[in-house]
Amino acid sequence: MDERNVDPSACPLCGRPNECGSVAGNEAGTCWCFSAVFPPELLDKVPLESRRKACICKSCAESRT
């Protein structure tokens, strides 16, 4: 997959909807993840082509797998 095929509404780790507020068009482009803390080990699991293109979902963020 290249970055042109990245779905910004899907979690790059599990493929489920990530409920990104920015993608959904929330007021002021806010998202739950703006205040979340993601450990480096979790961010390292995001495929290179998806980094800074799609949010990790709450489930993956909470499981920290």
PDB file of N, CA and C in Angstrom:
ATOM      1  N   MET A   1       0.849  -1.183   0.000  1.00  0.00           N
ATOM      2  CA  MET A   1       0.000   0.000   0.000  1.00  0.00           C
ATOM      3  C   MET A   1       0.887   1.235   0.000  1.00  0.00           C
ATOM      4  N   ASP A   2       0.533   2.223  -0.807  1.00  0.00           N
ATOM      5  CA  ASP A   2       1.278   3.474  -0.735  1.00  0.00           C
ATOM      6  C   ASP A   2       0.390   4.532  -0.103  1.00  0.00           C
ATOM      7  N   GLU A   3       0.973   5.686   0.192  1.00  0.00           N
ATOM      8  CA  GLU A   3       0.240   6.694   0.946  1.00  0.00           C
ATOM      9  C   GLU A   3      -0.991   7.224   0.210  1.00  0.00           C
ATOM     10  N   ARG A   4      -1.056   7.068  -1.106  1.00  0.00           N
ATOM     11  CA  ARG A   4      -2.250   7.499  -1.840  1.00  0.00           C
ATOM     12  C   ARG A   4      -3.438   6.609  -1.529  1.00  0.00           C
ATOM     13  N   ASN A   5      -3.189   5.402  -1.046  1.00  0.00           N
ATOM     14  CA  ASN A   5      -4.264   4.460  -0.738  1.00  0.00           C
ATOM     15  C   ASN A   5      -4.604   4.404   0.747  1.00  0.00           C
ATOM     16  N   VAL A   6      -4.028   5.283   1.550  1.00  0.00           N
ATOM     17  CA  VAL A   6      -4.288   5.294   2.981  1.00  0.00           C
ATOM     18  C   VAL A   6      -5.679   5.875   3.230  1.00  0.00           C
ATOM     19  N   ASP A   7      -6.502   5.129   3.965  1.00  0.00           N
ATOM     20  CA  ASP A   7      -7.836   5.602   4.340  1.00  0.00           C
ATOM     21  C   ASP A   7      -7.709   6.335   5.675  1.00  0.00           C
ATOM     22  N   PRO A   8      -7.869   7.655   5.703  1.00  0.00           N
ATOM     23  CA  PRO A   8      -7.701   8.397   6.953  1.00  0.00           C
ATOM     24  C   PRO A   8      -8.761   8.097   8.009  1.00  0.00           C
ATOM     25  N   SER A   9      -9.842   7.410   7.616  1.00  0.00           N
ATOM     26  CA  SER A   9     -10.888   7.083   8.586  1.00  0.00           C
ATOM     27  C   SER A   9     -10.723   5.685   9.181  1.00  0.00           C
ATOM     28  N   ALA A  10      -9.690   4.962   8.777  1.00  0.00           N
ATOM     29  CA  ALA A  10      -9.441   3.608   9.279  1.00  0.00           C
ATOM     30  C   ALA A  10      -8.162   3.570  10.107  1.00  0.00           C
ATOM     31  N   CYS A  11      -8.207   2.841  11.199  1.00  0.00           N
ATOM     32  CA  CYS A  11      -7.027   2.669  12.045  1.00  0.00           C
ATOM     33  C   CYS A  11      -5.950   1.931  11.246  1.00  0.00           C
ATOM     34  N   PRO A  12      -4.735   2.445  11.227  1.00  0.00           N
ATOM     35  CA  PRO A  12      -3.678   1.785  10.476  1.00  0.00           C
ATOM     36  C   PRO A  12      -3.184   0.486  11.107  1.00  0.00           C
ATOM     37  N   LEU A  13      -3.621   0.210  12.336  1.00  0.00           N
ATOM     38  CA  LEU A  13      -3.192  -1.016  13.011  1.00  0.00           C
ATOM     39  C   LEU A  13      -4.197  -2.151  12.865  1.00  0.00           C
ATOM     40  N   CYS A  14      -5.501  -1.836  12.985  1.00  0.00           N
ATOM     41  CA  CYS A  14      -6.507  -2.900  12.940  1.00  0.00           C
ATOM     42  C   CYS A  14      -7.469  -2.778  11.763  1.00  0.00           C
ATOM     43  N   GLY A  15      -7.507  -1.619  11.113  1.00  0.00           N
ATOM     44  CA  GLY A  15      -8.371  -1.416   9.959  1.00  0.00           C
ATOM     45  C   GLY A  15      -9.800  -1.014  10.284  1.00  0.00           C
ATOM     46  N   ARG A  16     -10.159  -1.004  11.565  1.00  0.00           N
ATOM     47  CA  ARG A  16     -11.515  -0.589  11.956  1.00  0.00           C
ATOM     48  C   ARG A  16     -11.623   0.931  11.910  1.00  0.00           C
ATOM     49  N   PRO A  17     -12.855   1.472  11.913  1.00  0.00           N
ATOM     50  CA  PRO A  17     -13.027   2.929  11.935  1.00  0.00           C
ATOM     51  C   PRO A  17     -12.293   3.535  13.135  1.00  0.00           C
ATOM     52  N   ASN A  18     -11.562   4.610  12.898  1.00  0.00           N
ATOM     53  CA  ASN A  18     -10.789   5.220  13.981  1.00  0.00           C
ATOM     54  C   ASN A  18     -11.533   6.357  14.672  1.00  0.00           C
ATOM     55  N   GLU A  19     -12.717   6.708  14.162  1.00  0.00           N
ATOM     56  CA  GLU A  19     -13.532   7.765  14.750  1.00  0.00           C
ATOM     57  C   GLU A  19     -12.754   9.072  14.891  1.00  0.00           C
ATOM     58  N   CYS A  20     -11.959   9.375  13.896  1.00  0.00           N
ATOM     59  CA  CYS A  20     -11.167  10.600  13.890  1.00  0.00           C
ATOM     60  C   CYS A  20     -12.088  11.808  13.737  1.00  0.00           C
ATOM     61  N   GLY A  21     -12.047  12.702  14.693  1.00  0.00           N
ATOM     62  CA  GLY A  21     -12.885  13.893  14.650  1.00  0.00           C
ATOM     63  C   GLY A  21     -12.512  14.837  13.526  1.00  0.00           C
ATOM     64  N   SER A  22     -11.253  14.907  13.202  1.00  0.00           N
ATOM     65  CA  SER A  22     -10.811  15.777  12.114  1.00  0.00           C
ATOM     66  C   SER A  22     -11.341  15.290  10.774  1.00  0.00           C
ATOM     67  N   VAL A  23     -11.266  14.002  10.538  1.00  0.00           N
ATOM     68  CA  VAL A  23     -11.750  13.414   9.286  1.00  0.00           C
ATOM     69  C   VAL A  23     -13.274  13.529   9.211  1.00  0.00           C
ATOM     70  N   ALA A  24     -13.947  13.372  10.359  1.00  0.00           N
ATOM     71  CA  ALA A  24     -15.403  13.426  10.400  1.00  0.00           C
ATOM     72  C   ALA A  24     -15.943  14.844  10.249  1.00  0.00           C
ATOM     73  N   GLY A  25     -15.057  15.832  10.298  1.00  0.00           N
ATOM     74  CA  GLY A  25     -15.477  17.216  10.133  1.00  0.00           C
ATOM     75  C   GLY A  25     -15.972  17.867  11.408  1.00  0.00           C
ATOM     76  N   ASN A  26     -15.490  17.394  12.556  1.00  0.00           N
ATOM     77  CA  ASN A  26     -15.883  18.008  13.818  1.00  0.00           C
ATOM     78  C   ASN A  26     -15.501  19.482  13.826  1.00  0.00           C
ATOM     79  N   GLU A  27     -16.260  20.228  14.571  1.00  0.00           N
ATOM     80  CA  GLU A  27     -16.017  21.654  14.686  1.00  0.00           C
ATOM     81  C   GLU A  27     -14.569  21.916  15.090  1.00  0.00           C
ATOM     82  N   ALA A  28     -13.927  22.812  14.420  1.00  0.00           N
ATOM     83  CA  ALA A  28     -12.535  23.209  14.667  1.00  0.00           C
ATOM     84  C   ALA A  28     -11.543  22.085  14.407  1.00  0.00           C
ATOM     85  N   GLY A  29     -11.990  20.999  13.769  1.00  0.00           N
ATOM     86  CA  GLY A  29     -11.074  19.922  13.420  1.00  0.00           C
ATOM     87  C   GLY A  29     -10.468  19.214  14.605  1.00  0.00           C
ATOM     88  N   THR A  30     -11.216  19.126  15.694  1.00  0.00           N
ATOM     89  CA  THR A  30     -10.680  18.493  16.891  1.00  0.00           C
ATOM     90  C   THR A  30     -10.923  16.982  16.874  1.00  0.00           C
ATOM     91  N   CYS A  31     -10.154  16.278  17.658  1.00  0.00           N
ATOM     92  CA  CYS A  31     -10.259  14.827  17.742  1.00  0.00           C
ATOM     93  C   CYS A  31      -9.865  14.378  19.151  1.00  0.00           C
ATOM     94  N   TRP A  32     -10.416  13.248  19.562  1.00  0.00           N
ATOM     95  CA  TRP A  32     -10.098  12.692  20.889  1.00  0.00           C
ATOM     96  C   TRP A  32      -8.596  12.467  21.042  1.00  0.00           C
ATOM     97  N   CYS A  33      -7.931  12.163  19.936  1.00  0.00           N
ATOM     98  CA  CYS A  33      -6.511  11.819  20.017  1.00  0.00           C
ATOM     99  C   CYS A  33      -5.613  13.015  20.306  1.00  0.00           C
ATOM    100  N   PHE A  34      -6.143  14.236  20.166  1.00  0.00           N
ATOM    101  CA  PHE A  34      -5.317  15.413  20.422  1.00  0.00           C
ATOM    102  C   PHE A  34      -4.822  15.447  21.863  1.00  0.00           C
ATOM    103  N   SER A  35      -5.577  14.857  22.777  1.00  0.00           N
ATOM    104  CA  SER A  35      -5.159  14.849  24.180  1.00  0.00           C
ATOM    105  C   SER A  35      -4.670  13.469  24.634  1.00  0.00           C
ATOM    106  N   ALA A  36      -4.631  12.513  23.711  1.00  0.00           N
ATOM    107  CA  ALA A  36      -4.175  11.156  24.054  1.00  0.00           C
ATOM    108  C   ALA A  36      -2.648  11.077  24.035  1.00  0.00           C
ATOM    109  N   VAL A  37      -2.137  10.139  24.802  1.00  0.00           N
ATOM    110  CA  VAL A  37      -0.697   9.880  24.831  1.00  0.00           C
ATOM    111  C   VAL A  37      -0.462   8.519  24.186  1.00  0.00           C
ATOM    112  N   PHE A  38       0.346   8.499  23.150  1.00  0.00           N
ATOM    113  CA  PHE A  38       0.654   7.264  22.434  1.00  0.00           C
ATOM    114  C   PHE A  38       2.111   6.907  22.687  1.00  0.00           C
ATOM    115  N   PRO A  39       2.358   5.756  23.292  1.00  0.00           N
ATOM    116  CA  PRO A  39       3.745   5.369  23.553  1.00  0.00           C
ATOM    117  C   PRO A  39       4.494   5.128  22.238  1.00  0.00           C
ATOM    118  N   PRO A  40       5.772   5.428  22.212  1.00  0.00           N
ATOM    119  CA  PRO A  40       6.568   5.238  20.997  1.00  0.00           C
ATOM    120  C   PRO A  40       6.483   3.821  20.435  1.00  0.00           C
ATOM    121  N   GLU A  41       6.375   2.818  21.312  1.00  0.00           N
ATOM    122  CA  GLU A  41       6.309   1.429  20.849  1.00  0.00           C
ATOM    123  C   GLU A  41       5.049   1.196  20.002  1.00  0.00           C
ATOM    124  N   LEU A  42       3.960   1.854  20.360  1.00  0.00           N
ATOM    125  CA  LEU A  42       2.720   1.723  19.604  1.00  0.00           C
ATOM    126  C   LEU A  42       2.838   2.468  18.275  1.00  0.00           C
ATOM    127  N   LEU A  43       3.361   3.665  18.307  1.00  0.00           N
ATOM    128  CA  LEU A  43       3.520   4.446  17.078  1.00  0.00           C
ATOM    129  C   LEU A  43       4.464   3.758  16.101  1.00  0.00           C
ATOM    130  N   ASP A  44       5.441   3.048  16.616  1.00  0.00           N
ATOM    131  CA  ASP A  44       6.381   2.321  15.754  1.00  0.00           C
ATOM    132  C   ASP A  44       5.699   1.214  14.955  1.00  0.00           C
ATOM    133  N   LYS A  45       4.533   0.764  15.415  1.00  0.00           N
ATOM    134  CA  LYS A  45       3.817  -0.301  14.716  1.00  0.00           C
ATOM    135  C   LYS A  45       2.994   0.207  13.532  1.00  0.00           C
ATOM    136  N   VAL A  46       2.820   1.521  13.437  1.00  0.00           N
ATOM    137  CA  VAL A  46       2.060   2.103  12.326  1.00  0.00           C
ATOM    138  C   VAL A  46       2.901   1.993  11.055  1.00  0.00           C
ATOM    139  N   PRO A  47       2.340   1.437   9.987  1.00  0.00           N
ATOM    140  CA  PRO A  47       3.100   1.335   8.734  1.00  0.00           C
ATOM    141  C   PRO A  47       3.573   2.712   8.261  1.00  0.00           C
ATOM    142  N   LEU A  48       4.752   2.771   7.698  1.00  0.00           N
ATOM    143  CA  LEU A  48       5.342   4.040   7.270  1.00  0.00           C
ATOM    144  C   LEU A  48       4.406   4.870   6.405  1.00  0.00           C
ATOM    145  N   GLU A  49       3.708   4.228   5.466  1.00  0.00           N
ATOM    146  CA  GLU A  49       2.856   4.978   4.547  1.00  0.00           C
ATOM    147  C   GLU A  49       1.629   5.580   5.230  1.00  0.00           C
ATOM    148  N   SER A  50       1.300   5.109   6.437  1.00  0.00           N
ATOM    149  CA  SER A  50       0.130   5.615   7.157  1.00  0.00           C
ATOM    150  C   SER A  50       0.473   6.642   8.222  1.00  0.00           C
ATOM    151  N   ARG A  51       1.739   6.801   8.523  1.00  0.00           N
ATOM    152  CA  ARG A  51       2.137   7.724   9.582  1.00  0.00           C
ATOM    153  C   ARG A  51       1.753   9.154   9.211  1.00  0.00           C
ATOM    154  N   ARG A  52       1.098   9.797  10.190  1.00  0.00           N
ATOM    155  CA  ARG A  52       0.625  11.170  10.041  1.00  0.00           C
ATOM    156  C   ARG A  52      -0.433  11.308   8.946  1.00  0.00           C
ATOM    157  N   LYS A  53      -1.046  10.167   8.590  1.00  0.00           N
ATOM    158  CA  LYS A  53      -2.106  10.165   7.584  1.00  0.00           C
ATOM    159  C   LYS A  53      -3.413   9.596   8.139  1.00  0.00           C
ATOM    160  N   ALA A  54      -3.330   8.719   9.159  1.00  0.00           N
ATOM    161  CA  ALA A  54      -4.510   8.081   9.737  1.00  0.00           C
ATOM    162  C   ALA A  54      -4.306   7.887  11.238  1.00  0.00           C
ATOM    163  N   CYS A  55      -5.353   8.164  11.991  1.00  0.00           N
ATOM    164  CA  CYS A  55      -5.297   8.024  13.454  1.00  0.00           C
ATOM    165  C   CYS A  55      -5.414   6.566  13.890  1.00  0.00           C
ATOM    166  N   ILE A  56      -4.749   6.253  14.976  1.00  0.00           N
ATOM    167  CA  ILE A  56      -4.927   4.975  15.654  1.00  0.00           C
ATOM    168  C   ILE A  56      -6.276   5.047  16.375  1.00  0.00           C
ATOM    169  N   CYS A  57      -7.053   3.966  16.365  1.00  0.00           N
ATOM    170  CA  CYS A  57      -8.365   3.965  17.038  1.00  0.00           C
ATOM    171  C   CYS A  57      -8.195   3.880  18.556  1.00  0.00           C
ATOM    172  N   LYS A  58      -9.272   4.232  19.263  1.00  0.00           N
ATOM    173  CA  LYS A  58      -9.241   4.196  20.729  1.00  0.00           C
ATOM    174  C   LYS A  58      -8.931   2.803  21.252  1.00  0.00           C
ATOM    175  N   SER A  59      -9.494   1.788  20.616  1.00  0.00           N
ATOM    176  CA  SER A  59      -9.286   0.412  21.070  1.00  0.00           C
ATOM    177  C   SER A  59      -7.807   0.036  21.010  1.00  0.00           C
ATOM    178  N   CYS A  60      -7.161   0.333  19.907  1.00  0.00           N
ATOM    179  CA  CYS A  60      -5.728   0.021  19.784  1.00  0.00           C
ATOM    180  C   CYS A  60      -4.903   0.888  20.732  1.00  0.00           C
ATOM    181  N   ALA A  61      -5.294   2.141  20.889  1.00  0.00           N
ATOM    182  CA  ALA A  61      -4.566   3.040  21.784  1.00  0.00           C
ATOM    183  C   ALA A  61      -4.678   2.566  23.234  1.00  0.00           C
ATOM    184  N   GLU A  62      -5.859   2.094  23.607  1.00  0.00           N
ATOM    185  CA  GLU A  62      -6.061   1.621  24.978  1.00  0.00           C
ATOM    186  C   GLU A  62      -5.397   0.284  25.240  1.00  0.00           C
ATOM    187  N   SER A  63      -5.345  -0.574  24.222  1.00  0.00           N
ATOM    188  CA  SER A  63      -4.720  -1.885  24.409  1.00  0.00           C
ATOM    189  C   SER A  63      -3.209  -1.785  24.379  1.00  0.00           C
ATOM    190  N   ARG A  64      -2.712  -0.754  23.707  1.00  0.00           N
ATOM    191  CA  ARG A  64      -1.262  -0.506  23.592  1.00  0.00           C
ATOM    192  C   ARG A  64      -0.521  -1.725  23.082  1.00  0.00           C
ATOM    193  N   THR A  65      -1.157  -2.437  22.134  1.00  0.00           N
ATOM    194  CA  THR A  65      -0.540  -3.641  21.583  1.00  0.00           C
ATOM    195  C   THR A  65       0.275  -3.339  20.357  1.00  0.00           C
TER     196      THR A  65
END
